[in-house]
Amino acid sequence: MVPAPEVAREWVDQLEPGVQVLLWTRRRGRTILEYSVVLRVWRDGGWRTLRVFDNAHGVNEVHRYTRSEGKQPGRVWHHGTAGEAFRDAWKSLKESYKRIEEAWLRS
């Protein structure tokens, strides 16, 4: 049996005007191998990153961003599969993006 080819896909979930989640996956069949989930807001004439979930280093990490210091070191946040982490990250951002944005504005 020939394995399914790997396919990369990216798309945007527009949560409201000026708030979006960028999504990227690399899959083999239905299995997510790699992913990133990025919360961005439009501020000061451009898109600003507030939070990134990914598995770029082989573990499911989250990176916070602050206005004053930018990207913060990653921390492991999920011990499940890449697919589980991807879905949980997307759900988490959709539920908490307003709180995250408020904290970012104060940082």
PDB file of N, CA and C in Angstrom:
ATOM      1  N   MET A   1       0.838  -1.188   0.000  1.00  0.00           N
ATOM      2  CA  MET A   1       0.000   0.000   0.000  1.00  0.00           C
ATOM      3  C   MET A   1       0.883   1.252   0.000  1.00  0.00           C
ATOM      4  N   VAL A   2       0.572   2.177  -0.850  1.00  0.00           N
ATOM      5  CA  VAL A   2       1.324   3.426  -0.978  1.00  0.00           C
ATOM      6  C   VAL A   2       0.818   4.414   0.070  1.00  0.00           C
ATOM      7  N   PRO A   3       1.742   5.009   0.862  1.00  0.00           N
ATOM      8  CA  PRO A   3       1.281   5.997   1.857  1.00  0.00           C
ATOM      9  C   PRO A   3       0.693   7.232   1.181  1.00  0.00           C
ATOM     10  N   ALA A   4      -0.229   7.861   1.873  1.00  0.00           N
ATOM     11  CA  ALA A   4      -0.836   9.096   1.363  1.00  0.00           C
ATOM     12  C   ALA A   4       0.235  10.172   1.250  1.00  0.00           C
ATOM     13  N   PRO A   5       0.125  11.041   0.261  1.00  0.00           N
ATOM     14  CA  PRO A   5       1.101  12.131   0.136  1.00  0.00           C
ATOM     15  C   PRO A   5       0.909  13.157   1.257  1.00  0.00           C
ATOM     16  N   GLU A   6       1.977  13.879   1.546  1.00  0.00           N
ATOM     17  CA  GLU A   6       1.880  14.974   2.516  1.00  0.00           C
ATOM     18  C   GLU A   6       1.319  16.196   1.808  1.00  0.00           C
ATOM     19  N   VAL A   7       0.431  16.884   2.506  1.00  0.00           N
ATOM     20  CA  VAL A   7      -0.219  18.062   1.948  1.00  0.00           C
ATOM     21  C   VAL A   7      -0.165  19.185   2.978  1.00  0.00           C
ATOM     22  N   ALA A   8       0.272  20.364   2.555  1.00  0.00           N
ATOM     23  CA  ALA A   8       0.266  21.541   3.428  1.00  0.00           C
ATOM     24  C   ALA A   8      -0.912  22.426   3.034  1.00  0.00           C
ATOM     25  N   ARG A   9      -1.501  23.027   4.035  1.00  0.00           N
ATOM     26  CA  ARG A   9      -2.653  23.903   3.795  1.00  0.00           C
ATOM     27  C   ARG A   9      -2.589  25.059   4.790  1.00  0.00           C
ATOM     28  N   GLU A  10      -2.945  26.259   4.352  1.00  0.00           N
ATOM     29  CA  GLU A  10      -3.073  27.385   5.270  1.00  0.00           C
ATOM     30  C   GLU A  10      -4.340  28.150   4.945  1.00  0.00           C
ATOM     31  N   TRP A  11      -4.942  28.694   5.993  1.00  0.00           N
ATOM     32  CA  TRP A  11      -6.171  29.452   5.831  1.00  0.00           C
ATOM     33  C   TRP A  11      -6.328  30.392   7.021  1.00  0.00           C
ATOM     34  N   VAL A  12      -7.329  31.285   6.934  1.00  0.00           N
ATOM     35  CA  VAL A  12      -7.565  32.304   7.955  1.00  0.00           C
ATOM     36  C   VAL A  12      -8.966  32.132   8.514  1.00  0.00           C
ATOM     37  N   ASP A  13      -9.075  32.183   9.833  1.00  0.00           N
ATOM     38  CA  ASP A  13     -10.369  32.239  10.516  1.00  0.00           C
ATOM     39  C   ASP A  13     -10.517  33.676  11.023  1.00  0.00           C
ATOM     40  N   GLN A  14     -11.365  34.451  10.362  1.00  0.00           N
ATOM     41  CA  GLN A  14     -11.589  35.852  10.729  1.00  0.00           C
ATOM     42  C   GLN A  14     -12.576  35.869  11.893  1.00  0.00           C
ATOM     43  N   LEU A  15     -12.105  36.160  13.110  1.00  0.00           N
ATOM     44  CA  LEU A  15     -12.964  36.113  14.294  1.00  0.00           C
ATOM     45  C   LEU A  15     -13.880  37.327  14.378  1.00  0.00           C
ATOM     46  N   GLU A  16     -13.349  38.467  13.993  1.00  0.00           N
ATOM     47  CA  GLU A  16     -14.106  39.716  13.885  1.00  0.00           C
ATOM     48  C   GLU A  16     -13.211  40.667  13.112  1.00  0.00           C
ATOM     49  N   PRO A  17     -13.721  41.819  12.670  1.00  0.00           N
ATOM     50  CA  PRO A  17     -12.851  42.736  11.937  1.00  0.00           C
ATOM     51  C   PRO A  17     -11.603  43.081  12.761  1.00  0.00           C
ATOM     52  N   GLY A  18     -10.448  42.900  12.161  1.00  0.00           N
ATOM     53  CA  GLY A  18      -9.199  43.224  12.837  1.00  0.00           C
ATOM     54  C   GLY A  18      -8.686  42.151  13.777  1.00  0.00           C
ATOM     55  N   VAL A  19      -9.317  40.981  13.799  1.00  0.00           N
ATOM     56  CA  VAL A  19      -8.859  39.867  14.652  1.00  0.00           C
ATOM     57  C   VAL A  19      -8.945  38.585  13.829  1.00  0.00           C
ATOM     58  N   GLN A  20      -7.813  37.899  13.705  1.00  0.00           N
ATOM     59  CA  GLN A  20      -7.811  36.678  12.914  1.00  0.00           C
ATOM     60  C   GLN A  20      -6.899  35.619  13.512  1.00  0.00           C
ATOM     61  N   VAL A  21      -7.225  34.386  13.158  1.00  0.00           N
ATOM     62  CA  VAL A  21      -6.372  33.258  13.497  1.00  0.00           C
ATOM     63  C   VAL A  21      -5.855  32.689  12.178  1.00  0.00           C
ATOM     64  N   LEU A  22      -4.529  32.665  12.040  1.00  0.00           N
ATOM     65  CA  LEU A  22      -3.897  32.046  10.879  1.00  0.00           C
ATOM     66  C   LEU A  22      -3.650  30.585  11.223  1.00  0.00           C
ATOM     67  N   LEU A  23      -4.039  29.692  10.336  1.00  0.00           N
ATOM     68  CA  LEU A  23      -3.911  28.257  10.575  1.00  0.00           C
ATOM     69  C   LEU A  23      -3.077  27.626   9.476  1.00  0.00           C
ATOM     70  N   TRP A  24      -2.174  26.742   9.851  1.00  0.00           N
ATOM     71  CA  TRP A  24      -1.345  26.024   8.888  1.00  0.00           C
ATOM     72  C   TRP A  24      -1.181  24.597   9.379  1.00  0.00           C
ATOM     73  N   THR A  25      -1.337  23.658   8.471  1.00  0.00           N
ATOM     74  CA  THR A  25      -1.096  22.252   8.806  1.00  0.00           C
ATOM     75  C   THR A  25      -0.330  21.587   7.676  1.00  0.00           C
ATOM     76  N   ARG A  26       0.425  20.588   8.058  1.00  0.00           N
ATOM     77  CA  ARG A  26       1.023  19.644   7.108  1.00  0.00           C
ATOM     78  C   ARG A  26       0.499  18.284   7.522  1.00  0.00           C
ATOM     79  N   ARG A  27      -0.175  17.616   6.595  1.00  0.00           N
ATOM     80  CA  ARG A  27      -0.847  16.351   6.889  1.00  0.00           C
ATOM     81  C   ARG A  27      -0.362  15.238   5.971  1.00  0.00           C
ATOM     82  N   ARG A  28      -0.556  14.050   6.468  1.00  0.00           N
ATOM     83  CA  ARG A  28      -0.468  12.850   5.632  1.00  0.00           C
ATOM     84  C   ARG A  28      -1.808  12.169   5.828  1.00  0.00           C
ATOM     85  N   GLY A  29      -2.619  12.194   4.789  1.00  0.00           N
ATOM     86  CA  GLY A  29      -3.986  11.712   4.933  1.00  0.00           C
ATOM     87  C   GLY A  29      -4.721  12.619   5.913  1.00  0.00           C
ATOM     88  N   ARG A  30      -5.343  12.030   6.915  1.00  0.00           N
ATOM     89  CA  ARG A  30      -6.052  12.820   7.929  1.00  0.00           C
ATOM     90  C   ARG A  30      -5.183  13.157   9.136  1.00  0.00           C
ATOM     91  N   THR A  31      -3.956  12.659   9.161  1.00  0.00           N
ATOM     92  CA  THR A  31      -3.066  12.845  10.310  1.00  0.00           C
ATOM     93  C   THR A  31      -2.278  14.134  10.185  1.00  0.00           C
ATOM     94  N   ILE A  32      -2.408  15.008  11.169  1.00  0.00           N
ATOM     95  CA  ILE A  32      -1.636  16.247  11.194  1.00  0.00           C
ATOM     96  C   ILE A  32      -0.238  15.937  11.708  1.00  0.00           C
ATOM     97  N   LEU A  33       0.763  16.296  10.918  1.00  0.00           N
ATOM     98  CA  LEU A  33       2.159  16.083  11.283  1.00  0.00           C
ATOM     99  C   LEU A  33       2.762  17.330  11.926  1.00  0.00           C
ATOM    100  N   GLU A  34       2.467  18.485  11.332  1.00  0.00           N
ATOM    101  CA  GLU A  34       2.951  19.768  11.841  1.00  0.00           C
ATOM    102  C   GLU A  34       1.816  20.772  11.758  1.00  0.00           C
ATOM    103  N   TYR A  35       1.888  21.795  12.612  1.00  0.00           N
ATOM    104  CA  TYR A  35       0.835  22.813  12.603  1.00  0.00           C
ATOM    105  C   TYR A  35       1.351  24.108  13.211  1.00  0.00           C
ATOM    106  N   SER A  36       0.637  25.178  12.912  1.00  0.00           N
ATOM    107  CA  SER A  36       0.782  26.429  13.657  1.00  0.00           C
ATOM    108  C   SER A  36      -0.585  27.100  13.683  1.00  0.00           C
ATOM    109  N   VAL A  37      -0.853  27.758  14.807  1.00  0.00           N
ATOM    110  CA  VAL A  37      -2.103  28.484  15.026  1.00  0.00           C
ATOM    111  C   VAL A  37      -1.687  29.832  15.604  1.00  0.00           C
ATOM    112  N   VAL A  38      -1.963  30.914  14.877  1.00  0.00           N
ATOM    113  CA  VAL A  38      -1.434  32.233  15.227  1.00  0.00           C
ATOM    114  C   VAL A  38      -2.573  33.233  15.388  1.00  0.00           C
ATOM    115  N   LEU A  39      -2.644  33.859  16.560  1.00  0.00           N
ATOM    116  CA  LEU A  39      -3.615  34.926  16.805  1.00  0.00           C
ATOM    117  C   LEU A  39      -2.977  36.262  16.459  1.00  0.00           C
ATOM    118  N   ARG A  40      -3.652  37.030  15.566  1.00  0.00           N
ATOM    119  CA  ARG A  40      -3.159  38.347  15.167  1.00  0.00           C
ATOM    120  C   ARG A  40      -4.273  39.374  15.271  1.00  0.00           C
ATOM    121  N   VAL A  41      -3.868  40.613  15.568  1.00  0.00           N
ATOM    122  CA  VAL A  41      -4.812  41.727  15.580  1.00  0.00           C
ATOM    123  C   VAL A  41      -4.234  42.862  14.738  1.00  0.00           C
ATOM    124  N   TRP A  42      -5.116  43.660  14.167  1.00  0.00           N
ATOM    125  CA  TRP A  42      -4.706  44.833  13.390  1.00  0.00           C
ATOM    126  C   TRP A  42      -4.593  46.016  14.335  1.00  0.00           C
ATOM    127  N   ARG A  43      -3.381  46.504  14.522  1.00  0.00           N
ATOM    128  CA  ARG A  43      -3.131  47.645  15.399  1.00  0.00           C
ATOM    129  C   ARG A  43      -2.020  48.493  14.811  1.00  0.00           C
ATOM    130  N   ASP A  44      -2.136  49.798  14.985  1.00  0.00           N
ATOM    131  CA  ASP A  44      -1.076  50.728  14.579  1.00  0.00           C
ATOM    132  C   ASP A  44      -0.674  50.525  13.121  1.00  0.00           C
ATOM    133  N   GLY A  45      -1.658  50.272  12.249  1.00  0.00           N
ATOM    134  CA  GLY A  45      -1.396  50.168  10.829  1.00  0.00           C
ATOM    135  C   GLY A  45      -0.829  48.850  10.332  1.00  0.00           C
ATOM    136  N   GLY A  46      -0.861  47.821  11.160  1.00  0.00           N
ATOM    137  CA  GLY A  46      -0.340  46.522  10.712  1.00  0.00           C
ATOM    138  C   GLY A  46      -0.826  45.382  11.589  1.00  0.00           C
ATOM    139  N   TRP A  47      -0.583  44.151  11.116  1.00  0.00           N
ATOM    140  CA  TRP A  47      -0.954  42.966  11.883  1.00  0.00           C
ATOM    141  C   TRP A  47       0.083  42.720  12.966  1.00  0.00           C
ATOM    142  N   ARG A  48      -0.377  42.485  14.189  1.00  0.00           N
ATOM    143  CA  ARG A  48       0.477  42.205  15.344  1.00  0.00           C
ATOM    144  C   ARG A  48       0.157  40.804  15.870  1.00  0.00           C
ATOM    145  N   THR A  49       1.190  40.015  16.074  1.00  0.00           N
ATOM    146  CA  THR A  49       1.023  38.661  16.593  1.00  0.00           C
ATOM    147  C   THR A  49       0.912  38.719  18.108  1.00  0.00           C
ATOM    148  N   LEU A  50      -0.087  38.012  18.645  1.00  0.00           N
ATOM    149  CA  LEU A  50      -0.302  37.973  20.093  1.00  0.00           C
ATOM    150  C   LEU A  50       0.044  36.618  20.695  1.00  0.00           C
ATOM    151  N   ARG A  51      -0.198  35.549  19.930  1.00  0.00           N
ATOM    152  CA  ARG A  51       0.005  34.207  20.463  1.00  0.00           C
ATOM    153  C   ARG A  51       0.273  33.250  19.313  1.00  0.00           C
ATOM    154  N   VAL A  52       1.196  32.304  19.527  1.00  0.00           N
ATOM    155  CA  VAL A  52       1.487  31.262  18.532  1.00  0.00           C
ATOM    156  C   VAL A  52       1.514  29.915  19.235  1.00  0.00           C
ATOM    157  N   PHE A  53       0.756  28.982  18.698  1.00  0.00           N
ATOM    158  CA  PHE A  53       0.810  27.585  19.106  1.00  0.00           C
ATOM    159  C   PHE A  53       1.420  26.822  17.937  1.00  0.00           C
ATOM    160  N   ASP A  54       2.397  25.935  18.198  1.00  0.00           N
ATOM    161  CA  ASP A  54       2.970  25.141  17.113  1.00  0.00           C
ATOM    162  C   ASP A  54       3.710  23.928  17.665  1.00  0.00           C
ATOM    163  N   ASN A  55       4.176  23.116  16.746  1.00  0.00           N
ATOM    164  CA  ASN A  55       5.019  21.985  17.127  1.00  0.00           C
ATOM    165  C   ASN A  55       6.299  21.978  16.297  1.00  0.00           C
ATOM    166  N   ALA A  56       6.814  23.152  16.003  1.00  0.00           N
ATOM    167  CA  ALA A  56       7.999  23.307  15.155  1.00  0.00           C
ATOM    168  C   ALA A  56       9.234  22.625  15.736  1.00  0.00           C
ATOM    169  N   HIS A  57       9.280  22.436  17.048  1.00  0.00           N
ATOM    170  CA  HIS A  57      10.445  21.820  17.688  1.00  0.00           C
ATOM    171  C   HIS A  57      10.137  20.414  18.189  1.00  0.00           C
ATOM    172  N   GLY A  58       9.092  19.811  17.631  1.00  0.00           N
ATOM    173  CA  GLY A  58       8.766  18.438  17.992  1.00  0.00           C
ATOM    174  C   GLY A  58       7.903  18.273  19.226  1.00  0.00           C
ATOM    175  N   VAL A  59       7.559  19.371  19.885  1.00  0.00           N
ATOM    176  CA  VAL A  59       6.644  19.349  21.035  1.00  0.00           C
ATOM    177  C   VAL A  59       5.605  20.444  20.825  1.00  0.00           C
ATOM    178  N   ASN A  60       4.464  20.293  21.472  1.00  0.00           N
ATOM    179  CA  ASN A  60       3.395  21.288  21.350  1.00  0.00           C
ATOM    180  C   ASN A  60       3.694  22.455  22.283  1.00  0.00           C
ATOM    181  N   GLU A  61       4.063  23.591  21.683  1.00  0.00           N
ATOM    182  CA  GLU A  61       4.444  24.772  22.457  1.00  0.00           C
ATOM    183  C   GLU A  61       3.493  25.926  22.205  1.00  0.00           C
ATOM    184  N   VAL A  62       3.503  26.861  23.142  1.00  0.00           N
ATOM    185  CA  VAL A  62       2.814  28.132  22.971  1.00  0.00           C
ATOM    186  C   VAL A  62       3.835  29.235  23.226  1.00  0.00           C
ATOM    187  N   HIS A  63       3.766  30.266  22.398  1.00  0.00           N
ATOM    188  CA  HIS A  63       4.596  31.463  22.557  1.00  0.00           C
ATOM    189  C   HIS A  63       3.671  32.649  22.770  1.00  0.00           C
ATOM    190  N   ARG A  64       3.873  33.361  23.860  1.00  0.00           N
ATOM    191  CA  ARG A  64       3.168  34.617  24.094  1.00  0.00           C
ATOM    192  C   ARG A  64       3.989  35.742  23.470  1.00  0.00           C
ATOM    193  N   TYR A  65       3.300  36.798  23.087  1.00  0.00           N
ATOM    194  CA  TYR A  65       3.953  38.001  22.595  1.00  0.00           C
ATOM    195  C   TYR A  65       3.506  39.161  23.478  1.00  0.00           C
ATOM    196  N   THR A  66       4.434  40.069  23.762  1.00  0.00           N
ATOM    197  CA  THR A  66       4.081  41.285  24.487  1.00  0.00           C
ATOM    198  C   THR A  66       4.371  42.477  23.584  1.00  0.00           C
ATOM    199  N   ARG A  67       3.713  43.586  23.867  1.00  0.00           N
ATOM    200  CA  ARG A  67       3.967  44.788  23.061  1.00  0.00           C
ATOM    201  C   ARG A  67       5.368  45.315  23.305  1.00  0.00           C
ATOM    202  N   SER A  68       5.847  45.213  24.537  1.00  0.00           N
ATOM    203  CA  SER A  68       7.137  45.802  24.874  1.00  0.00           C
ATOM    204  C   SER A  68       8.329  44.902  24.540  1.00  0.00           C
ATOM    205  N   GLU A  69       8.158  43.569  24.635  1.00  0.00           N
ATOM    206  CA  GLU A  69       9.302  42.674  24.454  1.00  0.00           C
ATOM    207  C   GLU A  69       9.145  41.681  23.305  1.00  0.00           C
ATOM    208  N   GLY A  70       8.001  41.668  22.654  1.00  0.00           N
ATOM    209  CA  GLY A  70       7.815  40.764  21.516  1.00  0.00           C
ATOM    210  C   GLY A  70       7.640  39.311  21.927  1.00  0.00           C
ATOM    211  N   LYS A  71       8.205  38.423  21.128  1.00  0.00           N
ATOM    212  CA  LYS A  71       8.026  36.981  21.315  1.00  0.00           C
ATOM    213  C   LYS A  71       8.705  36.501  22.590  1.00  0.00           C
ATOM    214  N   GLN A  72       7.964  35.748  23.378  1.00  0.00           N
ATOM    215  CA  GLN A  72       8.472  35.173  24.607  1.00  0.00           C
ATOM    216  C   GLN A  72       8.882  33.717  24.361  1.00  0.00           C
ATOM    217  N   PRO A  73       9.728  33.160  25.226  1.00  0.00           N
ATOM    218  CA  PRO A  73      10.143  31.764  25.037  1.00  0.00           C
ATOM    219  C   PRO A  73       8.934  30.828  25.036  1.00  0.00           C
ATOM    220  N   GLY A  74       9.037  29.773  24.243  1.00  0.00           N
ATOM    221  CA  GLY A  74       7.962  28.797  24.181  1.00  0.00           C
ATOM    222  C   GLY A  74       7.896  27.968  25.443  1.00  0.00           C
ATOM    223  N   ARG A  75       6.690  27.492  25.733  1.00  0.00           N
ATOM    224  CA  ARG A  75       6.526  26.543  26.834  1.00  0.00           C
ATOM    225  C   ARG A  75       5.599  25.432  26.352  1.00  0.00           C
ATOM    226  N   VAL A  76       5.878  24.231  26.804  1.00  0.00           N
ATOM    227  CA  VAL A  76       5.040  23.097  26.446  1.00  0.00           C
ATOM    228  C   VAL A  76       3.665  23.315  27.065  1.00  0.00           C
ATOM    229  N   TRP A  77       2.632  23.106  26.275  1.00  0.00           N
ATOM    230  CA  TRP A  77       1.284  23.354  26.781  1.00  0.00           C
ATOM    231  C   TRP A  77       0.347  22.184  26.543  1.00  0.00           C
ATOM    232  N   HIS A  78       0.736  21.211  25.730  1.00  0.00           N
ATOM    233  CA  HIS A  78      -0.167  20.110  25.390  1.00  0.00           C
ATOM    234  C   HIS A  78       0.663  18.850  25.202  1.00  0.00           C
ATOM    235  N   HIS A  79       0.200  17.746  25.750  1.00  0.00           N
ATOM    236  CA  HIS A  79       0.953  16.488  25.648  1.00  0.00           C
ATOM    237  C   HIS A  79       0.289  15.472  24.732  1.00  0.00           C
ATOM    238  N   GLY A  80      -0.723  15.895  23.983  1.00  0.00           N
ATOM    239  CA  GLY A  80      -1.404  15.001  23.057  1.00  0.00           C
ATOM    240  C   GLY A  80      -0.740  14.989  21.692  1.00  0.00           C
ATOM    241  N   THR A  81      -1.445  14.467  20.712  1.00  0.00           N
ATOM    242  CA  THR A  81      -0.943  14.425  19.342  1.00  0.00           C
ATOM    243  C   THR A  81      -0.966  15.823  18.738  1.00  0.00           C
ATOM    244  N   ALA A  82      -0.292  15.968  17.604  1.00  0.00           N
ATOM    245  CA  ALA A  82      -0.310  17.249  16.894  1.00  0.00           C
ATOM    246  C   ALA A  82      -1.741  17.631  16.514  1.00  0.00           C
ATOM    247  N   GLY A  83      -2.535  16.664  16.085  1.00  0.00           N
ATOM    248  CA  GLY A  83      -3.924  16.951  15.709  1.00  0.00           C
ATOM    249  C   GLY A  83      -4.749  17.418  16.886  1.00  0.00           C
ATOM    250  N   GLU A  84      -4.587  16.772  18.036  1.00  0.00           N
ATOM    251  CA  GLU A  84      -5.322  17.195  19.236  1.00  0.00           C
ATOM    252  C   GLU A  84      -4.903  18.593  19.658  1.00  0.00           C
ATOM    253  N   ALA A  85      -3.592  18.840  19.641  1.00  0.00           N
ATOM    254  CA  ALA A  85      -3.078  20.153  20.041  1.00  0.00           C
ATOM    255  C   ALA A  85      -3.565  21.239  19.092  1.00  0.00           C
ATOM    256  N   PHE A  86      -3.544  20.964  17.781  1.00  0.00           N
ATOM    257  CA  PHE A  86      -4.015  21.919  16.792  1.00  0.00           C
ATOM    258  C   PHE A  86      -5.465  22.306  17.060  1.00  0.00           C
ATOM    259  N   ARG A  87      -6.326  21.324  17.226  1.00  0.00           N
ATOM    260  CA  ARG A  87      -7.748  21.600  17.464  1.00  0.00           C
ATOM    261  C   ARG A  87      -7.961  22.335  18.788  1.00  0.00           C
ATOM    262  N   ASP A  88      -7.240  21.945  19.837  1.00  0.00           N
ATOM    263  CA  ASP A  88      -7.382  22.606  21.132  1.00  0.00           C
ATOM    264  C   ASP A  88      -6.881  24.048  21.090  1.00  0.00           C
ATOM    265  N   ALA A  89      -5.791  24.291  20.364  1.00  0.00           N
ATOM    266  CA  ALA A  89      -5.263  25.654  20.245  1.00  0.00           C
ATOM    267  C   ALA A  89      -6.265  26.550  19.531  1.00  0.00           C
ATOM    268  N   TRP A  90      -6.810  26.079  18.424  1.00  0.00           N
ATOM    269  CA  TRP A  90      -7.781  26.860  17.659  1.00  0.00           C
ATOM    270  C   TRP A  90      -9.002  27.165  18.511  1.00  0.00           C
ATOM    271  N   LYS A  91      -9.512  26.161  19.196  1.00  0.00           N
ATOM    272  CA  LYS A  91     -10.682  26.352  20.064  1.00  0.00           C
ATOM    273  C   LYS A  91     -10.365  27.351  21.177  1.00  0.00           C
ATOM    274  N   SER A  92      -9.198  27.206  21.794  1.00  0.00           N
ATOM    275  CA  SER A  92      -8.799  28.097  22.883  1.00  0.00           C
ATOM    276  C   SER A  92      -8.746  29.551  22.428  1.00  0.00           C
ATOM    277  N   LEU A  93      -8.164  29.800  21.255  1.00  0.00           N
ATOM    278  CA  LEU A  93      -8.069  31.176  20.764  1.00  0.00           C
ATOM    279  C   LEU A  93      -9.440  31.753  20.433  1.00  0.00           C
ATOM    280  N   LYS A  94     -10.318  30.949  19.872  1.00  0.00           N
ATOM    281  CA  LYS A  94     -11.662  31.443  19.562  1.00  0.00           C
ATOM    282  C   LYS A  94     -12.420  31.808  20.837  1.00  0.00           C
ATOM    283  N   GLU A  95     -12.151  31.093  21.924  1.00  0.00           N
ATOM    284  CA  GLU A  95     -12.856  31.342  23.187  1.00  0.00           C
ATOM    285  C   GLU A  95     -12.220  32.460  24.004  1.00  0.00           C
ATOM    286  N   SER A  96     -10.927  32.710  23.834  1.00  0.00           N
ATOM    287  CA  SER A  96     -10.243  33.626  24.754  1.00  0.00           C
ATOM    288  C   SER A  96      -9.514  34.785  24.074  1.00  0.00           C
ATOM    289  N   TYR A  97      -9.748  35.023  22.784  1.00  0.00           N
ATOM    290  CA  TYR A  97      -8.976  36.044  22.095  1.00  0.00           C
ATOM    291  C   TYR A  97      -9.173  37.438  22.683  1.00  0.00           C
ATOM    292  N   LYS A  98     -10.345  37.745  23.195  1.00  0.00           N
ATOM    293  CA  LYS A  98     -10.562  39.087  23.762  1.00  0.00           C
ATOM    294  C   LYS A  98      -9.727  39.287  25.021  1.00  0.00           C
ATOM    295  N   ARG A  99      -9.683  38.293  25.870  1.00  0.00           N
ATOM    296  CA  ARG A  99      -8.869  38.364  27.081  1.00  0.00           C
ATOM    297  C   ARG A  99      -7.383  38.456  26.734  1.00  0.00           C
ATOM    298  N   ILE A 100      -6.951  37.681  25.746  1.00  0.00           N
ATOM    299  CA  ILE A 100      -5.549  37.715  25.310  1.00  0.00           C
ATOM    300  C   ILE A 100      -5.194  39.094  24.766  1.00  0.00           C
ATOM    301  N   GLU A 101      -6.086  39.672  23.969  1.00  0.00           N
ATOM    302  CA  GLU A 101      -5.836  41.000  23.415  1.00  0.00           C
ATOM    303  C   GLU A 101      -5.757  42.056  24.511  1.00  0.00           C
ATOM    304  N   GLU A 102      -6.647  41.983  25.493  1.00  0.00           N
ATOM    305  CA  GLU A 102      -6.614  42.945  26.607  1.00  0.00           C
ATOM    306  C   GLU A 102      -5.297  42.849  27.361  1.00  0.00           C
ATOM    307  N   ALA A 103      -4.830  41.634  27.615  1.00  0.00           N
ATOM    308  CA  ALA A 103      -3.543  41.453  28.314  1.00  0.00           C
ATOM    309  C   ALA A 103      -2.393  41.985  27.465  1.00  0.00           C
ATOM    310  N   TRP A 104      -2.433  41.739  26.164  1.00  0.00           N
ATOM    311  CA  TRP A 104      -1.384  42.212  25.274  1.00  0.00           C
ATOM    312  C   TRP A 104      -1.336  43.745  25.258  1.00  0.00           C
ATOM    313  N   LEU A 105      -2.493  44.390  25.249  1.00  0.00           N
ATOM    314  CA  LEU A 105      -2.536  45.849  25.250  1.00  0.00           C
ATOM    315  C   LEU A 105      -1.907  46.428  26.513  1.00  0.00           C
ATOM    316  N   ARG A 106      -1.959  45.700  27.616  1.00  0.00           N
ATOM    317  CA  ARG A 106      -1.355  46.164  28.879  1.00  0.00           C
ATOM    318  C   ARG A 106       0.122  45.819  28.992  1.00  0.00           C
ATOM    319  N   SER A 107       0.641  44.971  28.092  1.00  0.00           N
ATOM    320  CA  SER A 107       2.015  44.470  28.253  1.00  0.00           C
ATOM    321  C   SER A 107       3.071  45.385  27.647  1.00  0.00           C
TER     322      SER A 107
END
